[in-house]
Amino acid sequence: MQEGLKRILIVGGIAALTVALYFAPHEGVKQEAKAVDNSSFSFEDELQAGKRRLKREEAEQISLLEAAVSKEQGSVTLLDSLGKTWDRYQTPAISSHYFEEVAKLSPEEGNWISAAYRYFDAFKMTGDSARKSYFSGKAIECYQKVLAINPKNLDAKTDLGVIYTEATANPMQGIMMLREVIAENPKHLMAQFNLGVLAVKSGQLDKAVGRFETVLTIDPKFDEARMLLARTYLQMNNNTEALRNLQILAKQSEDQQMIRDANSLINQINNH
């Protein structure tokens, strides 16, 4: 969970990806940091596709809100309600649009970050390259708005750094942003976590271990960090430490899938 405002998805910046993806080859969508490619993306198409997935009563609720917004154009309250309704249907690809409209009408830090978080989650949730390009670009724009208002918003800076590393032609800029966050607040959970992830992806396993250990001193129950730490130890052929962390995870996690994954790895280690 991101520090500050609650995120739609766990791990923002993350913020957001499965453990398996962290250890897979990186195939991010590269784009210029400030460019948003609208050529292959249509919000109207996205909206209609989202509506087709709704139950009848859900679609009726959306239609009523849309009619109200159409009658009272420029109503922050109604746009916010429409965005929150799409949130309930776990569709940040659509809710992000309405929260951005709110931010345009009322350009406050909290409104821009609400839009940024949802564009970030939409970016994390899609595997389509055109949609990734669009959502990452929109997230960058919104996070930049946040930081223009409040340069000390370290959560926003962390997420922006992650997007630069994953989805732009300027990954080093993102890494530097994450390091700047750590320099200002060494206990920033998600900045430390994402630097650990990047260390794994670049093969710097010793550095990754250090980052994940730091994360777990901040939050000993951060399941994803402990699983990544265990997997990193496995890559380093340190089965003893991998097993110790997996056993802790299997005992303390409240996530049943995480427990199954931990037990599966424990069995693999014990049977080899």
C-alpha atoms as a PDB file:
ATOM      1  CA  MET A   1       0.000   0.000   0.000  1.00  0.00           C
ATOM      2  CA  GLN A   2       1.360   3.387  -0.894  1.00  0.00           C
ATOM      3  CA  GLU A   3       2.181   5.784   1.926  1.00  0.00           C
ATOM      4  CA  GLY A   4      -0.336   8.633   2.200  1.00  0.00           C
ATOM      5  CA  LEU A   5      -3.501   8.238   0.145  1.00  0.00           C
ATOM      6  CA  LYS A   6      -4.735   4.708  -0.307  1.00  0.00           C
ATOM      7  CA  ARG A   7      -4.096   3.189  -3.696  1.00  0.00           C
ATOM      8  CA  ILE A   8      -6.573   1.162  -5.735  1.00  0.00           C
ATOM      9  CA  LEU A   9      -3.989  -1.619  -5.983  1.00  0.00           C
ATOM     10  CA  ILE A  10      -1.443  -2.789  -3.434  1.00  0.00           C
ATOM     11  CA  VAL A  11       2.163  -1.721  -3.978  1.00  0.00           C
ATOM     12  CA  GLY A  12       2.189   1.419  -5.892  1.00  0.00           C
ATOM     13  CA  GLY A  13       4.910   2.587  -7.530  1.00  0.00           C
ATOM     14  CA  ILE A  14       4.072   0.216  -7.159  1.00  0.00           C
ATOM     15  CA  ALA A  15       4.233   0.807  -6.811  1.00  0.00           C
ATOM     16  CA  ALA A  16       1.948  -2.433  -8.376  1.00  0.00           C
ATOM     17  CA  LEU A  17       3.609  -6.033 -10.466  1.00  0.00           C
ATOM     18  CA  THR A  18       3.767  -9.653  -9.487  1.00  0.00           C
ATOM     19  CA  VAL A  19       6.830 -11.222  -7.917  1.00  0.00           C
ATOM     20  CA  ALA A  20       7.319 -13.323 -11.042  1.00  0.00           C
ATOM     21  CA  LEU A  21       7.385 -10.258 -13.248  1.00  0.00           C
ATOM     22  CA  TYR A  22      10.201  -8.728 -11.231  1.00  0.00           C
ATOM     23  CA  PHE A  23      12.378 -11.698 -12.081  1.00  0.00           C
ATOM     24  CA  ALA A  24      11.340 -11.847 -15.743  1.00  0.00           C
ATOM     25  CA  PRO A  25      13.140 -10.048 -18.598  1.00  0.00           C
ATOM     26  CA  HIS A  26      12.063  -6.409 -18.767  1.00  0.00           C
ATOM     27  CA  GLU A  27      10.028  -5.470 -21.840  1.00  0.00           C
ATOM     28  CA  GLY A  28       8.821  -2.004 -20.906  1.00  0.00           C
ATOM     29  CA  VAL A  29       7.212   0.353 -23.391  1.00  0.00           C
ATOM     30  CA  LYS A  30       9.750   3.070 -24.133  1.00  0.00           C
ATOM     31  CA  GLN A  31       8.551   6.580 -24.848  1.00  0.00           C
ATOM     32  CA  GLU A  32       9.662  10.125 -24.287  1.00  0.00           C
ATOM     33  CA  ALA A  33       8.844  11.141 -20.742  1.00  0.00           C
ATOM     34  CA  LYS A  34       6.432  13.962 -21.530  1.00  0.00           C
ATOM     35  CA  ALA A  35       4.783  12.521 -24.614  1.00  0.00           C
ATOM     36  CA  VAL A  36       1.347  10.952 -24.453  1.00  0.00           C
ATOM     37  CA  ASP A  37       0.567   8.862 -27.499  1.00  0.00           C
ATOM     38  CA  ASN A  38      -3.107   9.402 -28.304  1.00  0.00           C
ATOM     39  CA  SER A  39      -2.893   7.913 -31.795  1.00  0.00           C
ATOM     40  CA  SER A  40      -3.720   4.336 -30.752  1.00  0.00           C
ATOM     41  CA  PHE A  41      -5.919   5.050 -27.760  1.00  0.00           C
ATOM     42  CA  SER A  42      -9.513   6.186 -27.598  1.00  0.00           C
ATOM     43  CA  PHE A  43     -11.084   6.937 -24.233  1.00  0.00           C
ATOM     44  CA  GLU A  44     -14.525   6.519 -25.791  1.00  0.00           C
ATOM     45  CA  ASP A  45     -13.600   2.997 -26.928  1.00  0.00           C
ATOM     46  CA  GLU A  46     -12.229   2.274 -23.440  1.00  0.00           C
ATOM     47  CA  LEU A  47     -15.425   3.582 -21.872  1.00  0.00           C
ATOM     48  CA  GLN A  48     -17.712   1.527 -24.087  1.00  0.00           C
ATOM     49  CA  ALA A  49     -15.657  -1.615 -23.487  1.00  0.00           C
ATOM     50  CA  GLY A  50     -15.852  -0.973 -19.737  1.00  0.00           C
ATOM     51  CA  LYS A  51     -19.603  -0.572 -19.876  1.00  0.00           C
ATOM     52  CA  ARG A  52     -19.996  -3.883 -21.708  1.00  0.00           C
ATOM     53  CA  ARG A  53     -18.345  -5.627 -18.750  1.00  0.00           C
ATOM     54  CA  LEU A  54     -20.807  -4.199 -16.229  1.00  0.00           C
ATOM     55  CA  LYS A  55     -23.892  -5.829 -14.805  1.00  0.00           C
ATOM     56  CA  ARG A  56     -27.167  -4.215 -15.841  1.00  0.00           C
ATOM     57  CA  GLU A  57     -27.704  -2.380 -12.536  1.00  0.00           C
ATOM     58  CA  GLU A  58     -24.110  -1.111 -12.607  1.00  0.00           C
ATOM     59  CA  ALA A  59     -24.480   0.157 -16.155  1.00  0.00           C
ATOM     60  CA  GLU A  60     -27.725   1.907 -15.185  1.00  0.00           C
ATOM     61  CA  GLN A  61     -25.979   3.673 -12.304  1.00  0.00           C
ATOM     62  CA  ILE A  62     -23.232   4.877 -14.659  1.00  0.00           C
ATOM     63  CA  SER A  63     -25.823   6.116 -17.163  1.00  0.00           C
ATOM     64  CA  LEU A  64     -27.612   8.119 -14.467  1.00  0.00           C
ATOM     65  CA  LEU A  65     -24.373   9.762 -13.363  1.00  0.00           C
ATOM     66  CA  GLU A  66     -23.381  10.508 -16.960  1.00  0.00           C
ATOM     67  CA  ALA A  67     -26.734  12.181 -17.557  1.00  0.00           C
ATOM     68  CA  ALA A  68     -26.274  14.283 -14.439  1.00  0.00           C
ATOM     69  CA  VAL A  69     -22.754  15.306 -15.521  1.00  0.00           C
ATOM     70  CA  SER A  70     -24.083  16.224 -18.955  1.00  0.00           C
ATOM     71  CA  LYS A  71     -26.721  18.500 -17.395  1.00  0.00           C
ATOM     72  CA  GLU A  72     -24.307  20.044 -14.880  1.00  0.00           C
ATOM     73  CA  GLN A  73     -21.115  20.321 -16.876  1.00  0.00           C
ATOM     74  CA  GLY A  74     -18.185  21.407 -14.780  1.00  0.00           C
ATOM     75  CA  SER A  75     -19.577  19.879 -11.585  1.00  0.00           C
ATOM     76  CA  VAL A  76     -16.607  18.646  -9.568  1.00  0.00           C
ATOM     77  CA  THR A  77     -18.935  16.744  -7.242  1.00  0.00           C
ATOM     78  CA  LEU A  78     -20.587  14.760 -10.035  1.00  0.00           C
ATOM     79  CA  LEU A  79     -17.326  14.043 -11.843  1.00  0.00           C
ATOM     80  CA  ASP A  80     -15.851  12.841  -8.549  1.00  0.00           C
ATOM     81  CA  SER A  81     -18.864  10.573  -8.017  1.00  0.00           C
ATOM     82  CA  LEU A  82     -18.495   9.140 -11.529  1.00  0.00           C
ATOM     83  CA  GLY A  83     -14.800   8.483 -10.954  1.00  0.00           C
ATOM     84  CA  LYS A  84     -15.433   6.822  -7.596  1.00  0.00           C
ATOM     85  CA  THR A  85     -18.152   4.640  -9.119  1.00  0.00           C
ATOM     86  CA  TRP A  86     -15.691   3.331 -11.723  1.00  0.00           C
ATOM     87  CA  ASP A  87     -13.247   2.787  -8.850  1.00  0.00           C
ATOM     88  CA  ARG A  88     -15.785   0.460  -7.233  1.00  0.00           C
ATOM     89  CA  TYR A  89     -15.796  -1.522 -10.465  1.00  0.00           C
ATOM     90  CA  GLN A  90     -11.972  -1.672 -10.302  1.00  0.00           C
ATOM     91  CA  THR A  91     -11.507   0.170 -13.585  1.00  0.00           C
ATOM     92  CA  PRO A  92      -8.745   2.780 -13.142  1.00  0.00           C
ATOM     93  CA  ALA A  93      -8.401   2.998 -16.925  1.00  0.00           C
ATOM     94  CA  ILE A  94     -11.733   4.849 -16.854  1.00  0.00           C
ATOM     95  CA  SER A  95     -11.873   6.419 -13.396  1.00  0.00           C
ATOM     96  CA  SER A  96      -8.519   8.130 -14.052  1.00  0.00           C
ATOM     97  CA  HIS A  97     -10.106  10.215 -16.825  1.00  0.00           C
ATOM     98  CA  TYR A  98     -12.773  11.609 -14.525  1.00  0.00           C
ATOM     99  CA  PHE A  99     -10.332  12.350 -11.717  1.00  0.00           C
ATOM    100  CA  GLU A 100      -8.149  14.218 -14.189  1.00  0.00           C
ATOM    101  CA  GLU A 101     -11.195  16.276 -15.197  1.00  0.00           C
ATOM    102  CA  VAL A 102     -11.720  17.084 -11.518  1.00  0.00           C
ATOM    103  CA  ALA A 103      -8.083  18.152 -11.227  1.00  0.00           C
ATOM    104  CA  LYS A 104      -8.374  20.400 -14.262  1.00  0.00           C
ATOM    105  CA  LEU A 105     -11.374  22.147 -12.720  1.00  0.00           C
ATOM    106  CA  SER A 106      -9.859  22.259  -9.224  1.00  0.00           C
ATOM    107  CA  PRO A 107      -6.074  22.023  -9.662  1.00  0.00           C
ATOM    108  CA  GLU A 108      -5.085  21.100  -6.123  1.00  0.00           C
ATOM    109  CA  GLU A 109      -2.345  18.668  -5.120  1.00  0.00           C
ATOM    110  CA  GLY A 110      -4.786  16.063  -3.810  1.00  0.00           C
ATOM    111  CA  ASN A 111      -6.847  16.099  -6.991  1.00  0.00           C
ATOM    112  CA  TRP A 112      -3.837  15.715  -9.269  1.00  0.00           C
ATOM    113  CA  ILE A 113      -2.498  12.863  -7.198  1.00  0.00           C
ATOM    114  CA  SER A 114      -5.873  11.111  -7.285  1.00  0.00           C
ATOM    115  CA  ALA A 115      -5.687  11.162 -11.088  1.00  0.00           C
ATOM    116  CA  ALA A 116      -2.003  10.204 -11.110  1.00  0.00           C
ATOM    117  CA  TYR A 117      -2.532   7.180  -8.853  1.00  0.00           C
ATOM    118  CA  ARG A 118      -5.256   5.834 -11.109  1.00  0.00           C
ATOM    119  CA  TYR A 119      -3.316   6.361 -14.329  1.00  0.00           C
ATOM    120  CA  PHE A 120      -0.387   4.633 -12.626  1.00  0.00           C
ATOM    121  CA  ASP A 121      -2.585   1.664 -11.689  1.00  0.00           C
ATOM    122  CA  ALA A 122      -4.050   1.516 -15.205  1.00  0.00           C
ATOM    123  CA  PHE A 123      -0.489   1.425 -16.561  1.00  0.00           C
ATOM    124  CA  LYS A 124       0.390  -1.444 -14.223  1.00  0.00           C
ATOM    125  CA  MET A 125      -2.743  -3.429 -15.037  1.00  0.00           C
ATOM    126  CA  THR A 126      -2.487  -3.516 -18.824  1.00  0.00           C
ATOM    127  CA  GLY A 127      -0.239  -5.595 -21.036  1.00  0.00           C
ATOM    128  CA  ASP A 128      -1.164  -3.797 -24.257  1.00  0.00           C
ATOM    129  CA  SER A 129       1.698  -1.612 -25.511  1.00  0.00           C
ATOM    130  CA  ALA A 130      -0.477   1.234 -26.843  1.00  0.00           C
ATOM    131  CA  ARG A 131      -2.466   1.439 -23.619  1.00  0.00           C
ATOM    132  CA  LYS A 132       0.717   1.228 -21.533  1.00  0.00           C
ATOM    133  CA  SER A 133       2.171   4.114 -23.507  1.00  0.00           C
ATOM    134  CA  TYR A 134      -0.948   6.212 -23.038  1.00  0.00           C
ATOM    135  CA  PHE A 135      -1.450   5.537 -19.328  1.00  0.00           C
ATOM    136  CA  SER A 136       2.211   5.936 -18.415  1.00  0.00           C
ATOM    137  CA  GLY A 137       2.330   9.254 -20.268  1.00  0.00           C
ATOM    138  CA  LYS A 138      -0.798  10.514 -18.530  1.00  0.00           C
ATOM    139  CA  ALA A 139       0.536   9.368 -15.155  1.00  0.00           C
ATOM    140  CA  ILE A 140       3.775  11.259 -15.780  1.00  0.00           C
ATOM    141  CA  GLU A 141       1.845  14.417 -16.641  1.00  0.00           C
ATOM    142  CA  CYS A 142      -0.256  14.196 -13.480  1.00  0.00           C
ATOM    143  CA  TYR A 143       2.664  13.409 -11.166  1.00  0.00           C
ATOM    144  CA  GLN A 144       4.553  16.356 -12.625  1.00  0.00           C
ATOM    145  CA  LYS A 145       1.559  18.553 -11.758  1.00  0.00           C
ATOM    146  CA  VAL A 146       1.686  17.230  -8.193  1.00  0.00           C
ATOM    147  CA  LEU A 147       5.402  17.936  -7.827  1.00  0.00           C
ATOM    148  CA  ALA A 148       5.024  21.395  -9.328  1.00  0.00           C
ATOM    149  CA  ILE A 149       2.633  22.161  -6.469  1.00  0.00           C
ATOM    150  CA  ASN A 150       4.539  20.237  -3.793  1.00  0.00           C
ATOM    151  CA  PRO A 151       8.124  19.172  -4.596  1.00  0.00           C
ATOM    152  CA  LYS A 152       8.258  17.435  -1.194  1.00  0.00           C
ATOM    153  CA  ASN A 153       5.608  14.838  -2.077  1.00  0.00           C
ATOM    154  CA  LEU A 154       7.916  11.816  -1.899  1.00  0.00           C
ATOM    155  CA  ASP A 155       5.186   9.300  -2.733  1.00  0.00           C
ATOM    156  CA  ALA A 156       4.535  11.064  -6.029  1.00  0.00           C
ATOM    157  CA  LYS A 157       8.256  11.354  -6.718  1.00  0.00           C
ATOM    158  CA  THR A 158       8.674   7.622  -6.069  1.00  0.00           C
ATOM    159  CA  ASP A 159       5.898   6.632  -8.457  1.00  0.00           C
ATOM    160  CA  LEU A 160       7.220   9.034 -11.081  1.00  0.00           C
ATOM    161  CA  GLY A 161      10.671   7.527 -10.716  1.00  0.00           C
ATOM    162  CA  VAL A 162       9.249   4.040 -11.224  1.00  0.00           C
ATOM    163  CA  ILE A 163       7.454   5.096 -14.407  1.00  0.00           C
ATOM    164  CA  TYR A 164      10.603   6.703 -15.797  1.00  0.00           C
ATOM    165  CA  THR A 165      12.507   3.455 -15.236  1.00  0.00           C
ATOM    166  CA  GLU A 166       9.809   1.202 -16.664  1.00  0.00           C
ATOM    167  CA  ALA A 167       8.221   3.148 -19.481  1.00  0.00           C
ATOM    168  CA  THR A 168      10.459   5.893 -20.817  1.00  0.00           C
ATOM    169  CA  ALA A 169      13.735   6.317 -22.651  1.00  0.00           C
ATOM    170  CA  ASN A 170      15.173   7.903 -19.487  1.00  0.00           C
ATOM    171  CA  PRO A 171      15.477   5.078 -16.916  1.00  0.00           C
ATOM    172  CA  MET A 172      18.470   6.656 -15.189  1.00  0.00           C
ATOM    173  CA  GLN A 173      16.390   9.745 -14.475  1.00  0.00           C
ATOM    174  CA  GLY A 174      13.951   7.521 -12.628  1.00  0.00           C
ATOM    175  CA  ILE A 175      16.708   5.828 -10.649  1.00  0.00           C
ATOM    176  CA  MET A 176      18.114   9.209  -9.657  1.00  0.00           C
ATOM    177  CA  MET A 177      14.656  10.311  -8.500  1.00  0.00           C
ATOM    178  CA  LEU A 178      14.334   7.215  -6.306  1.00  0.00           C
ATOM    179  CA  ARG A 179      17.775   7.863  -4.849  1.00  0.00           C
ATOM    180  CA  GLU A 180      16.783  11.461  -4.121  1.00  0.00           C
ATOM    181  CA  VAL A 181      13.759  10.191  -2.202  1.00  0.00           C
ATOM    182  CA  ILE A 182      15.993   7.881  -0.140  1.00  0.00           C
ATOM    183  CA  ALA A 183      18.437  10.726   0.500  1.00  0.00           C
ATOM    184  CA  GLU A 184      15.584  12.790   1.919  1.00  0.00           C
ATOM    185  CA  ASN A 185      13.876   9.933   3.746  1.00  0.00           C
ATOM    186  CA  PRO A 186      15.919   6.702   4.133  1.00  0.00           C
ATOM    187  CA  LYS A 187      12.828   4.972   5.512  1.00  0.00           C
ATOM    188  CA  HIS A 188      10.630   5.605   2.487  1.00  0.00           C
ATOM    189  CA  LEU A 189       9.268   2.096   2.017  1.00  0.00           C
ATOM    190  CA  MET A 190       8.387   2.099  -1.666  1.00  0.00           C
ATOM    191  CA  ALA A 191      11.497   3.931  -2.841  1.00  0.00           C
ATOM    192  CA  GLN A 192      13.682   1.365  -1.059  1.00  0.00           C
ATOM    193  CA  PHE A 193      11.531  -1.470  -2.403  1.00  0.00           C
ATOM    194  CA  ASN A 194      11.666  -0.294  -6.011  1.00  0.00           C
ATOM    195  CA  LEU A 195      15.407   0.281  -5.868  1.00  0.00           C
ATOM    196  CA  GLY A 196      15.646  -3.336  -4.696  1.00  0.00           C
ATOM    197  CA  VAL A 197      13.552  -4.463  -7.636  1.00  0.00           C
ATOM    198  CA  LEU A 198      15.757  -2.510 -10.048  1.00  0.00           C
ATOM    199  CA  ALA A 199      18.866  -4.030  -8.475  1.00  0.00           C
ATOM    200  CA  VAL A 200      17.460  -7.526  -9.125  1.00  0.00           C
ATOM    201  CA  LYS A 201      16.673  -6.663 -12.724  1.00  0.00           C
ATOM    202  CA  SER A 202      20.199  -5.360 -13.277  1.00  0.00           C
ATOM    203  CA  GLY A 203      21.783  -8.412 -11.651  1.00  0.00           C
ATOM    204  CA  GLN A 204      23.084  -6.527  -8.592  1.00  0.00           C
ATOM    205  CA  LEU A 205      21.860  -9.145  -6.165  1.00  0.00           C
ATOM    206  CA  ASP A 206      23.918  -8.022  -3.150  1.00  0.00           C
ATOM    207  CA  LYS A 207      22.451  -4.527  -3.462  1.00  0.00           C
ATOM    208  CA  ALA A 208      18.965  -5.995  -3.869  1.00  0.00           C
ATOM    209  CA  VAL A 209      19.357  -7.969  -0.641  1.00  0.00           C
ATOM    210  CA  GLY A 210      20.398  -4.808   1.174  1.00  0.00           C
ATOM    211  CA  ARG A 211      17.375  -2.903  -0.127  1.00  0.00           C
ATOM    212  CA  PHE A 212      14.881  -5.645   0.752  1.00  0.00           C
ATOM    213  CA  GLU A 213      16.409  -6.101   4.212  1.00  0.00           C
ATOM    214  CA  THR A 214      15.999  -2.356   4.748  1.00  0.00           C
ATOM    215  CA  VAL A 215      12.359  -2.556   3.632  1.00  0.00           C
ATOM    216  CA  LEU A 216      11.716  -5.332   6.136  1.00  0.00           C
ATOM    217  CA  THR A 217      13.229  -3.334   8.986  1.00  0.00           C
ATOM    218  CA  ILE A 218      10.671  -0.639   8.110  1.00  0.00           C
ATOM    219  CA  ASP A 219       7.784  -3.068   7.665  1.00  0.00           C
ATOM    220  CA  PRO A 220       8.498  -6.699   8.680  1.00  0.00           C
ATOM    221  CA  LYS A 221       5.134  -7.790   7.246  1.00  0.00           C
ATOM    222  CA  PHE A 222       5.690  -6.524   3.710  1.00  0.00           C
ATOM    223  CA  ASP A 223       5.059  -9.874   2.008  1.00  0.00           C
ATOM    224  CA  GLU A 224       6.230  -8.913  -1.473  1.00  0.00           C
ATOM    225  CA  ALA A 225       9.578  -7.682  -0.146  1.00  0.00           C
ATOM    226  CA  ARG A 226      10.150 -10.852   1.860  1.00  0.00           C
ATOM    227  CA  MET A 227       9.266 -13.057  -1.093  1.00  0.00           C
ATOM    228  CA  LEU A 228      11.619 -11.100  -3.346  1.00  0.00           C
ATOM    229  CA  LEU A 229      14.340 -11.314  -0.706  1.00  0.00           C
ATOM    230  CA  ALA A 230      13.902 -15.085  -0.527  1.00  0.00           C
ATOM    231  CA  ARG A 231      13.993 -15.427  -4.298  1.00  0.00           C
ATOM    232  CA  THR A 232      17.085 -13.235  -4.491  1.00  0.00           C
ATOM    233  CA  TYR A 233      18.829 -15.443  -1.943  1.00  0.00           C
ATOM    234  CA  LEU A 234      17.866 -18.459  -4.057  1.00  0.00           C
ATOM    235  CA  GLN A 235      19.499 -16.838  -7.088  1.00  0.00           C
ATOM    236  CA  MET A 236      22.615 -16.369  -4.947  1.00  0.00           C
ATOM    237  CA  ASN A 237      22.495 -20.072  -3.942  1.00  0.00           C
ATOM    238  CA  ASN A 238      21.973 -19.099  -0.310  1.00  0.00           C
ATOM    239  CA  ASN A 239      19.287 -21.642   0.475  1.00  0.00           C
ATOM    240  CA  THR A 240      19.608 -21.156   4.231  1.00  0.00           C
ATOM    241  CA  GLU A 241      18.529 -17.502   4.135  1.00  0.00           C
ATOM    242  CA  ALA A 242      15.973 -18.181   1.417  1.00  0.00           C
ATOM    243  CA  LEU A 243      14.405 -20.915   3.547  1.00  0.00           C
ATOM    244  CA  ARG A 244      14.402 -18.748   6.682  1.00  0.00           C
ATOM    245  CA  ASN A 245      12.538 -15.937   4.934  1.00  0.00           C
ATOM    246  CA  LEU A 246      10.082 -18.279   3.241  1.00  0.00           C
ATOM    247  CA  GLN A 247       9.246 -19.894   6.571  1.00  0.00           C
ATOM    248  CA  ILE A 248       8.600 -16.480   8.124  1.00  0.00           C
ATOM    249  CA  LEU A 249       6.414 -15.587   5.143  1.00  0.00           C
ATOM    250  CA  ALA A 250       4.408 -18.819   5.317  1.00  0.00           C
ATOM    251  CA  LYS A 251       3.806 -18.241   9.034  1.00  0.00           C
ATOM    252  CA  GLN A 252       2.923 -14.538   9.103  1.00  0.00           C
ATOM    253  CA  SER A 253       1.287 -13.759   5.743  1.00  0.00           C
ATOM    254  CA  GLU A 254      -2.471 -13.307   5.533  1.00  0.00           C
ATOM    255  CA  ASP A 255      -2.414 -13.769   1.744  1.00  0.00           C
ATOM    256  CA  GLN A 256      -3.316 -17.385   0.958  1.00  0.00           C
ATOM    257  CA  GLN A 257      -1.692 -17.316  -2.477  1.00  0.00           C
ATOM    258  CA  MET A 258       1.507 -15.922  -0.979  1.00  0.00           C
ATOM    259  CA  ILE A 259       1.470 -18.704   1.624  1.00  0.00           C
ATOM    260  CA  ARG A 260       1.023 -21.338  -1.109  1.00  0.00           C
ATOM    261  CA  ASP A 261       3.885 -19.856  -3.121  1.00  0.00           C
ATOM    262  CA  ALA A 262       6.134 -19.782  -0.058  1.00  0.00           C
ATOM    263  CA  ASN A 263       5.337 -23.396   0.858  1.00  0.00           C
ATOM    264  CA  SER A 264       5.913 -24.486  -2.731  1.00  0.00           C
ATOM    265  CA  LEU A 265       9.394 -22.962  -2.703  1.00  0.00           C
ATOM    266  CA  ILE A 266      10.119 -24.452   0.732  1.00  0.00           C
ATOM    267  CA  ASN A 267       9.266 -27.897  -0.633  1.00  0.00           C
ATOM    268  CA  GLN A 268      11.477 -27.354  -3.665  1.00  0.00           C
ATOM    269  CA  ILE A 269      14.415 -26.371  -1.464  1.00  0.00           C
ATOM    270  CA  ASN A 270      13.917 -29.292   0.937  1.00  0.00           C
ATOM    271  CA  ASN A 271      13.602 -31.818  -1.895  1.00  0.00           C
ATOM    272  CA  HIS A 272      16.832 -30.821  -3.632  1.00  0.00           C
END
